[in-house]
Amino acid sequence: MRGVHLSTGMNDMIVPFSSAIVVLGWFVAPVLTLVENIYLFWLFIRKQDSGLPAWRIIATLLFLIAQIFVHFILPA
């Protein structure tokens, strides 16, 4: 991952905060997407309604596929 200096001078507190947000988004987002997909699959197996529109379920699955591609296939 690359580091970018986002500010100069008085606003140097923005850099560590924004870096933490980027790192959390980079590593936590795939885990949460995987948990959500497992939960939705569990509801599907039990034939219960998730209350989510179909487009959101499909988008979540596509996001998980994209995250797996970026994290595991692309770096090789």
Protein backbone atom coordinates (compact mmCIF):
# COMPACT_ATOMS: atom_id res chain seq x y z
CA MET A 1 0.00 0.00 0.00
CA ARG A 2 1.21 3.47 -0.71
CA GLY A 3 1.39 6.32 1.76
CA VAL A 4 0.31 9.78 0.76
CA HIS A 5 1.01 12.93 2.72
CA LEU A 6 -2.37 14.65 2.80
CA SER A 7 -1.61 17.82 4.70
CA THR A 8 1.06 20.27 5.70
CA GLY A 9 1.38 22.63 8.58
CA MET A 10 -1.31 22.87 11.24
CA ASN A 11 -3.55 20.04 9.99
CA ASP A 12 -1.10 17.20 10.61
CA MET A 13 -3.66 15.40 12.81
CA ILE A 14 -5.70 14.62 9.69
CA VAL A 15 -3.02 12.30 8.29
CA PRO A 16 -3.01 9.61 11.03
CA PHE A 17 -6.82 9.67 11.24
CA SER A 18 -7.32 9.31 7.50
CA SER A 19 -4.62 6.63 7.36
CA ALA A 20 -6.46 4.63 10.01
CA ILE A 21 -9.70 4.94 8.07
CA VAL A 22 -8.03 3.68 4.89
CA VAL A 23 -6.39 0.75 6.66
CA LEU A 24 -9.62 -0.21 8.45
CA GLY A 25 -11.55 -0.02 5.20
CA TRP A 26 -8.93 -2.07 3.39
CA PHE A 27 -8.83 -4.92 5.94
CA VAL A 28 -12.20 -4.83 7.72
CA ALA A 29 -14.47 -4.40 4.69
CA PRO A 30 -13.82 -7.89 3.23
CA VAL A 31 -14.41 -9.50 6.63
CA LEU A 32 -17.70 -7.69 7.14
CA THR A 33 -18.80 -8.43 3.58
CA LEU A 34 -18.02 -12.11 4.10
CA VAL A 35 -19.99 -12.16 7.37
CA GLU A 36 -22.96 -10.47 5.69
CA ASN A 37 -22.91 -12.95 2.80
CA ILE A 38 -22.74 -15.91 5.18
CA TYR A 39 -25.70 -14.50 7.11
CA LEU A 40 -27.71 -13.94 3.92
CA PHE A 41 -26.87 -17.46 2.74
CA TRP A 42 -28.00 -18.84 6.11
CA LEU A 43 -31.32 -17.00 5.75
CA PHE A 44 -31.66 -18.36 2.21
CA ILE A 45 -31.09 -21.94 3.41
CA ARG A 46 -33.67 -21.52 6.17
CA LYS A 47 -36.08 -19.91 3.65
CA GLN A 48 -36.48 -16.74 5.69
CA ASP A 49 -36.89 -13.27 4.25
CA SER A 50 -33.90 -10.99 4.79
CA GLY A 51 -35.91 -7.80 4.25
CA LEU A 52 -33.33 -6.53 1.78
CA PRO A 53 -34.05 -5.75 -1.86
CA ALA A 54 -32.63 -8.20 -4.39
CA TRP A 55 -30.30 -5.60 -5.92
CA ARG A 56 -28.55 -5.08 -2.59
CA ILE A 57 -27.99 -8.80 -2.05
CA ILE A 58 -26.55 -9.11 -5.57
CA ALA A 59 -24.37 -6.01 -5.06
CA THR A 60 -23.03 -7.41 -1.78
CA LEU A 61 -22.11 -10.67 -3.49
CA LEU A 62 -20.41 -8.79 -6.33
CA PHE A 63 -18.47 -6.67 -3.82
CA LEU A 64 -17.27 -9.82 -2.07
CA ILE A 65 -16.10 -11.30 -5.37
CA ALA A 66 -14.28 -8.05 -6.22
CA GLN A 67 -12.63 -7.94 -2.78
CA ILE A 68 -11.46 -11.55 -3.07
CA PHE A 69 -10.05 -10.74 -6.50
CA VAL A 70 -8.21 -7.64 -5.26
CA HIS A 71 -6.85 -9.22 -2.07
CA PHE A 72 -5.93 -12.73 -3.24
CA ILE A 73 -5.71 -12.95 -7.03
CA LEU A 74 -4.36 -9.56 -8.09
CA PRO A 75 -1.23 -9.45 -5.87
CA ALA A 76 0.10 -12.74 -7.29
